Structure formats: structure tokens, C-alpha cells
Amino acid sequence: MDTINERFICHLTFINVLNKYQRETCVKRSINLPTKANAVTTSRRRKLKPERIKEKVH
């Protein structure tokens, strides 16, 4: 549960702070955490662009 809470705090930091350094740290931290939340965001990104996937398949 700690990693999910860290990701949530990191997400809030990403939204609220417009500092480039903090934004980059947030991205690095979220990539380094192999959590279920990470898998969920990846699947959501895939669902957002189903047309591209269909074009590649056919």
C-alpha cells in the first residue's frame, strides 16, 4: 500500500507544482514502481487509441 500512496502523492505533486525538476522526479518515481496502478494506466493508454492498434493488426 505504501507504493500506491507514494504514487498518489507524486501525482498530486505533478499537478500542483510547475517545477521542471520535481516533474521529472515524479515521472522517474512512477516508472520505477512496478505497481498495479502502473499496469492500469498502461491499459488505459492502450484503450484510448484502439484505431491505431487495429491499423497495425490489419
Protein backbone atom coordinates (compact mmCIF):
# COMPACT_ATOMS: atom_id res chain seq x y z
CA MET A 1 0.00 0.00 0.00
CA ASP A 2 2.94 2.35 0.59
CA THR A 3 3.91 2.42 -3.07
CA ILE A 4 0.36 3.31 -4.14
CA ASN A 5 0.27 6.16 -1.61
CA GLU A 6 3.61 7.39 -2.90
CA ARG A 7 2.28 7.35 -6.45
CA PHE A 8 -0.80 9.30 -5.35
CA ILE A 9 1.29 11.97 -3.60
CA CYS A 10 3.58 12.04 -6.61
CA HIS A 11 0.57 12.56 -8.90
CA LEU A 12 -0.64 15.49 -6.80
CA THR A 13 2.85 16.99 -6.90
CA PHE A 14 2.89 16.58 -10.68
CA ILE A 15 -0.38 18.51 -10.97
CA ASN A 16 0.25 21.24 -8.39
CA VAL A 17 3.93 22.03 -8.95
CA LEU A 18 5.14 23.51 -12.22
CA ASN A 19 8.78 22.95 -11.34
CA LYS A 20 10.62 21.01 -14.05
CA TYR A 21 12.90 19.15 -11.65
CA GLN A 22 10.03 17.92 -9.46
CA ARG A 23 8.05 16.91 -12.54
CA GLU A 24 10.96 14.80 -13.82
CA THR A 25 11.46 13.16 -10.41
CA CYS A 26 7.77 12.30 -10.32
CA VAL A 27 7.94 10.62 -13.72
CA LYS A 28 11.06 8.67 -12.76
CA ARG A 29 9.48 7.53 -9.49
CA SER A 30 6.28 6.34 -11.16
CA ILE A 31 8.28 4.41 -13.78
CA ASN A 32 10.43 2.76 -11.10
CA LEU A 33 7.41 1.47 -9.15
CA PRO A 34 6.05 -1.77 -10.67
CA THR A 35 2.60 -1.48 -9.11
CA LYS A 36 -0.90 -2.43 -10.20
CA ALA A 37 -1.62 1.27 -10.74
CA ASN A 38 1.16 1.37 -13.32
CA ALA A 39 -0.43 -1.51 -15.24
CA VAL A 40 -3.84 0.19 -15.08
CA THR A 41 -2.52 3.43 -16.59
CA THR A 42 -0.80 1.47 -19.36
CA SER A 43 -4.00 -0.39 -20.26
CA ARG A 44 -5.93 2.90 -20.23
CA ARG A 45 -3.46 4.39 -22.70
CA ARG A 46 -3.96 1.40 -24.98
CA LYS A 47 -7.75 1.75 -24.78
CA LEU A 48 -7.56 5.43 -25.69
CA LYS A 49 -6.17 4.65 -29.16
CA PRO A 50 -7.87 1.46 -30.43
CA GLU A 51 -7.84 2.72 -34.05
CA ARG A 52 -4.04 2.68 -34.21
CA ILE A 53 -3.88 -0.87 -32.90
CA LYS A 54 -6.44 -2.05 -35.48
CA GLU A 55 -4.45 -0.42 -38.29
CA LYS A 56 -1.27 -2.19 -37.19
CA VAL A 57 -3.04 -5.56 -36.92
CA HIS A 58 -4.70 -5.48 -40.33
